[in-house]
C-alpha cells in the first residue's frame, strides 16, 4: 500500500471514529476511502466492518460515565444484539446486496425523521414511562434485533437509527441513550469481527491502518458528545442522518 493511501485511510479512520461516537455513520467515510485505494466493494465493506470495531470500543470507554444503571439492560439485550448481527453477516456473505442497498437510504432518512419529530411521535405511540413493562421490553428487544441485523449487513448510520428508536422507548437523556447506542454498536462490531475474520475477504493491511485511528476518534467523539446539550446533540444527529440518507440514495440510484 502506498504512503498516500495509508495517509488517506488514517485520516478517514480518525474522522469516522469521531462521527460514530457522536451520531453514527462513520462507515460512509471509511468505506469510500477503502474503495478509493483499490478494494472491491465487498472487500471494502468487510474490511471496514473489522476496522471500525475498535472505534466503538473507544466510544464505550469515553461514554462509560453515562452507562451507570444501564448494565442490567445491556445484559438483557445482549442475545438480541449477537443473534441479529450474526444474521446480518450471513445475509451479506450469502445474498446479493442490490435490494437491500435500495432500501437502506429510506431507513436512514426515516430514522432521522423519527428523531427530529420525536416529541410529537411520543404523543402518538405513547410516552415511554406510560408503557407497560412488558410492552417496552418486547419493543426494545425487537428494535435491537432489527438494528443488529442491519449493523451486521452494512451498518452505515446504525447509530442514527438506534438513537432515534431508543429515544422513543427510554426516558433518558440523549447522552445516556448515545452511550447505550455505543455499547450496542460495539457488540454488533465484535460479532462482525468474528464472522468476517473467519469467512470474509478481509484486507488486513487496511484494518491495521484504520483501526487505531478509529479508537482515538471514537474516544474523542464520545467525550465531545457528553458535553453537548441534548437538543444540540439531537440536531447534529438529525442533520448528519439526513445527509447520510441522501448520499446513500444517490449512490443506490
Protein backbone atom coordinates (compact mmCIF):
# COMPACT_ATOMS: atom_id res chain seq x y z
CA UNK A 1 0.00 0.00 0.00
CA UNK A 2 1.35 3.42 -1.00
CA UNK A 3 2.06 6.15 1.55
CA UNK A 4 -0.67 8.39 0.13
CA UNK A 5 -3.20 5.57 0.50
CA UNK A 6 -2.11 4.98 4.09
CA UNK A 7 -2.48 8.68 4.96
CA UNK A 8 -5.94 8.74 3.38
CA UNK A 9 -7.06 5.73 5.43
CA UNK A 10 -5.56 7.16 8.62
CA UNK A 11 -7.47 10.43 8.23
CA UNK A 12 -10.66 8.57 7.31
CA UNK A 13 -10.38 6.35 10.39
CA UNK A 14 -9.92 9.29 12.75
CA UNK A 15 -12.92 11.13 11.28
CA UNK A 16 -15.09 8.01 11.24
CA UNK A 17 -14.37 7.14 14.86
CA UNK A 18 -15.36 10.64 15.96
CA UNK A 19 -18.54 10.65 13.87
CA UNK A 20 -19.57 7.17 15.04
CA UNK A 21 -19.33 8.19 18.68
CA UNK A 22 -21.43 11.33 18.20
CA UNK A 23 -24.01 10.31 15.61
CA UNK A 24 -23.09 7.11 13.78
CA UNK A 25 -22.44 6.86 10.06
CA UNK A 26 -18.66 6.85 10.07
CA UNK A 27 -18.69 3.95 7.63
CA UNK A 28 -19.68 6.44 4.95
CA UNK A 29 -16.21 7.92 5.42
CA UNK A 30 -14.13 4.75 5.67
CA UNK A 31 -15.99 2.66 3.08
CA UNK A 32 -15.43 5.11 0.19
CA UNK A 33 -11.82 5.56 1.33
CA UNK A 34 -11.22 1.80 1.11
CA UNK A 35 -12.76 1.68 -2.36
CA UNK A 36 -10.63 4.68 -3.36
CA UNK A 37 -7.41 2.80 -2.53
CA UNK A 38 -8.38 -0.04 -4.85
CA UNK A 39 -10.53 -2.55 -2.94
CA UNK A 40 -13.65 -4.14 -4.37
CA UNK A 41 -16.94 -3.06 -2.75
CA UNK A 42 -17.41 -6.38 -0.94
CA UNK A 43 -13.83 -6.45 0.35
CA UNK A 44 -14.13 -2.79 1.37
CA UNK A 45 -17.36 -3.48 3.26
CA UNK A 46 -15.93 -6.47 5.12
CA UNK A 47 -12.62 -4.72 5.85
CA UNK A 48 -14.49 -1.65 7.05
CA UNK A 49 -16.58 -3.70 9.48
CA UNK A 50 -13.44 -5.02 11.17
CA UNK A 51 -11.60 -1.69 11.08
CA UNK A 52 -14.27 0.43 12.78
CA UNK A 53 -14.85 -2.02 15.65
CA UNK A 54 -12.03 -0.67 17.86
CA UNK A 55 -13.55 2.78 17.46
CA UNK A 56 -16.77 1.50 19.02
CA UNK A 57 -14.75 0.20 21.96
CA UNK A 58 -13.20 3.65 22.33
CA UNK A 59 -16.68 5.18 22.25
CA UNK A 60 -17.84 2.90 25.06
CA UNK A 61 -14.81 3.86 27.13
CA UNK A 62 -15.42 7.55 26.52
CA UNK A 63 -19.10 7.33 27.50
CA UNK A 64 -18.81 4.87 30.41
CA UNK A 65 -19.91 7.54 32.91
CA UNK A 66 -23.32 7.64 31.18
CA UNK A 67 -23.74 3.86 31.33
CA UNK A 68 -24.36 3.87 35.07
CA UNK A 69 -27.56 1.97 35.87
CA UNK A 70 -27.84 0.54 32.34
CA UNK A 71 -25.73 -2.58 32.71
CA UNK A 72 -28.70 -4.81 33.53
CA UNK A 73 -30.50 -3.55 30.43
CA UNK A 74 -27.41 -4.26 28.33
CA UNK A 75 -27.28 -7.85 29.62
CA UNK A 76 -30.95 -8.41 28.75
CA UNK A 77 -30.43 -7.08 25.22
CA UNK A 78 -27.16 -8.93 24.58
CA UNK A 79 -28.69 -12.07 22.96
CA UNK A 80 -30.69 -9.93 20.52
CA UNK A 81 -27.56 -7.98 19.60
CA UNK A 82 -25.45 -11.06 18.87
CA UNK A 83 -28.16 -13.05 17.07
CA UNK A 84 -29.18 -10.09 14.92
CA UNK A 85 -25.62 -9.18 13.96
CA UNK A 86 -24.82 -12.81 13.07
CA UNK A 87 -27.90 -12.94 10.82
CA UNK A 88 -26.82 -9.71 9.12
CA UNK A 89 -23.34 -11.08 8.46
CA UNK A 90 -24.84 -14.23 6.94
CA UNK A 91 -27.03 -12.12 4.65
CA UNK A 92 -24.05 -10.11 3.42
CA UNK A 93 -21.98 -13.19 2.63
CA UNK A 94 -24.80 -15.26 1.11
CA UNK A 95 -27.13 -12.89 -0.77
CA UNK A 96 -27.00 -10.12 -3.41
CA UNK A 97 -26.79 -6.65 -1.91
CA UNK A 98 -28.73 -4.68 -4.53
CA UNK A 99 -32.20 -4.92 -3.00
CA UNK A 100 -31.00 -4.00 0.46
CA UNK A 101 -28.97 -1.10 -0.91
CA UNK A 102 -32.15 0.35 -2.37
CA UNK A 103 -33.96 0.11 0.98
CA UNK A 104 -31.15 1.47 3.18
CA UNK A 105 -31.47 5.19 2.21
CA UNK A 106 -35.15 5.21 3.18
CA UNK A 107 -34.37 3.52 6.51
CA UNK A 108 -31.74 6.15 7.32
CA UNK A 109 -33.96 9.08 6.32
CA UNK A 110 -36.84 7.62 8.31
CA UNK A 111 -34.61 7.30 11.36
CA UNK A 112 -33.56 10.95 11.08
CA UNK A 113 -37.21 11.99 10.76
CA UNK A 114 -38.18 9.94 13.81
CA UNK A 115 -35.51 11.67 15.85
CA UNK A 116 -36.44 15.12 14.55
CA UNK A 117 -40.13 14.68 15.44
CA UNK A 118 -39.56 12.52 18.50
CA UNK A 119 -41.74 14.54 20.89
CA UNK A 120 -44.71 14.55 18.51
CA UNK A 121 -44.36 10.82 17.83
CA UNK A 122 -44.30 10.11 21.55
CA UNK A 123 -47.77 11.67 21.77
CA UNK A 124 -48.91 9.19 19.11
CA UNK A 125 -47.23 5.96 20.27
CA UNK A 126 -47.35 6.84 23.97
CA UNK A 127 -44.83 8.22 26.41
CA UNK A 128 -42.17 5.69 27.46
CA UNK A 129 -43.00 5.99 31.17
CA UNK A 130 -46.66 5.16 30.43
CA UNK A 131 -45.88 1.94 28.54
CA UNK A 132 -46.28 -1.35 30.35
CA UNK A 133 -43.01 -3.04 31.29
CA UNK A 134 -43.70 -6.00 29.01
CA UNK A 135 -44.61 -3.83 26.02
CA UNK A 136 -41.47 -1.73 26.38
CA UNK A 137 -39.29 -4.83 26.82
CA UNK A 138 -40.67 -6.57 23.73
CA UNK A 139 -40.30 -3.37 21.71
CA UNK A 140 -36.70 -2.90 22.85
CA UNK A 141 -35.76 -6.49 22.03
CA UNK A 142 -37.33 -6.24 18.56
CA UNK A 143 -35.68 -2.89 17.90
CA UNK A 144 -32.22 -4.03 18.95
CA UNK A 145 -32.52 -7.29 16.98
CA UNK A 146 -33.56 -5.45 13.80
CA UNK A 147 -30.86 -2.83 14.21
CA UNK A 148 -28.25 -5.51 14.79
CA UNK A 149 -29.24 -7.33 11.57
CA UNK A 150 -28.70 -4.07 9.69
CA UNK A 151 -25.44 -3.48 11.53
CA UNK A 152 -24.12 -6.90 10.60
CA UNK A 153 -25.11 -6.42 6.96
CA UNK A 154 -23.87 -2.89 6.28
CA UNK A 155 -24.18 -0.68 9.34
CA UNK A 156 -23.81 2.85 7.95
CA UNK A 157 -25.88 5.19 10.14
CA UNK A 158 -26.71 2.38 12.56
CA UNK A 159 -26.13 4.88 15.36
CA UNK A 160 -28.69 7.30 13.91
CA UNK A 161 -31.30 4.55 13.76
CA UNK A 162 -30.57 3.32 17.27
CA UNK A 163 -30.64 6.77 18.86
CA UNK A 164 -33.92 7.63 17.11
CA UNK A 165 -35.67 4.40 18.13
CA UNK A 166 -34.26 4.14 21.64
CA UNK A 167 -35.40 7.69 22.31
CA UNK A 168 -39.00 6.62 21.73
CA UNK A 169 -38.78 3.83 24.29
CA UNK A 170 -36.48 5.08 27.03
CA UNK A 171 -36.86 8.01 29.40
CA UNK A 172 -33.20 9.04 29.33
CA UNK A 173 -31.03 11.97 28.31
CA UNK A 174 -29.53 11.97 24.84
CA UNK A 175 -26.08 11.41 26.34
CA UNK A 176 -27.24 8.21 28.10
CA UNK A 177 -29.06 6.97 25.00
CA UNK A 178 -25.93 7.69 22.97
CA UNK A 179 -23.87 5.68 25.48
CA UNK A 180 -26.24 2.71 25.16
CA UNK A 181 -26.04 3.06 21.39
CA UNK A 182 -22.25 2.82 21.65
CA UNK A 183 -22.50 -0.47 23.55
CA UNK A 184 -24.90 -1.98 21.01
CA UNK A 185 -22.66 -0.87 18.15
CA UNK A 186 -19.62 -2.41 19.88
CA UNK A 187 -21.33 -5.77 20.38
CA UNK A 188 -22.52 -5.81 16.78
CA UNK A 189 -19.00 -4.85 15.70
CA UNK A 190 -17.44 -7.68 17.70
CA UNK A 191 -19.81 -10.17 16.09
CA UNK A 192 -18.86 -8.97 12.61
CA UNK A 193 -15.16 -9.22 13.52
CA UNK A 194 -15.59 -12.90 14.35
CA UNK A 195 -17.80 -13.70 11.34
CA UNK A 196 -15.89 -11.75 8.69
CA UNK A 197 -12.49 -12.55 10.18
CA UNK A 198 -13.20 -16.23 9.52
CA UNK A 199 -15.33 -16.13 6.37
CA UNK A 200 -14.86 -12.71 4.72
CA UNK A 201 -12.34 -11.33 2.19
CA UNK A 202 -10.54 -9.07 4.69
CA UNK A 203 -7.72 -6.72 3.68
CA UNK A 204 -5.69 -6.84 6.89
CA UNK A 205 -3.37 -4.00 5.88
CA UNK A 206 -6.36 -1.69 5.64
CA UNK A 207 -7.61 -2.88 9.03
CA UNK A 208 -4.19 -2.27 10.57
CA UNK A 209 -4.21 1.37 9.45
CA UNK A 210 -7.83 2.24 10.10
CA UNK A 211 -8.41 0.50 13.43
CA UNK A 212 -6.04 2.53 15.67
CA UNK A 213 -7.32 5.79 14.16
CA UNK A 214 -10.96 4.85 14.90
CA UNK A 215 -10.06 4.19 18.55
CA UNK A 216 -8.69 7.70 19.01
CA UNK A 217 -11.57 9.26 17.10
CA UNK A 218 -14.17 7.19 18.98
CA UNK A 219 -12.86 8.20 22.38
CA UNK A 220 -12.66 11.90 21.49
CA UNK A 221 -16.11 11.83 19.89
CA UNK A 222 -17.71 10.21 22.93
CA UNK A 223 -16.17 12.81 25.22
CA UNK A 224 -17.48 15.57 22.96
CA UNK A 225 -20.98 14.02 22.90
CA UNK A 226 -21.13 14.15 26.71
CA UNK A 227 -20.53 17.92 26.66
CA UNK A 228 -23.22 18.74 24.10
CA UNK A 229 -26.72 19.68 25.33
CA UNK A 230 -29.42 17.15 24.40
CA UNK A 231 -31.08 19.49 21.92
CA UNK A 232 -27.79 20.21 20.15
CA UNK A 233 -26.78 16.55 20.06
CA UNK A 234 -30.19 15.61 18.65
CA UNK A 235 -29.91 18.26 15.93
CA UNK A 236 -26.39 17.11 14.99
CA UNK A 237 -27.60 13.54 14.61
CA UNK A 238 -30.68 14.58 12.61
CA UNK A 239 -28.64 16.67 10.18
CA UNK A 240 -25.97 14.02 9.80
CA UNK A 241 -28.57 11.27 9.32
CA UNK A 242 -30.32 13.28 6.61
CA UNK A 243 -27.05 13.85 4.77
CA UNK A 244 -26.16 10.16 5.05
CA UNK A 245 -29.56 9.10 3.72
CA UNK A 246 -29.23 11.45 0.75
CA UNK A 247 -25.74 10.16 -0.05
CA UNK A 248 -26.89 6.55 0.12
CA UNK A 249 -29.87 7.28 -2.10
CA UNK A 250 -27.72 8.93 -4.75
CA UNK A 251 -25.28 6.00 -4.59
CA UNK A 252 -28.05 3.39 -4.84
CA UNK A 253 -29.82 5.09 -7.75
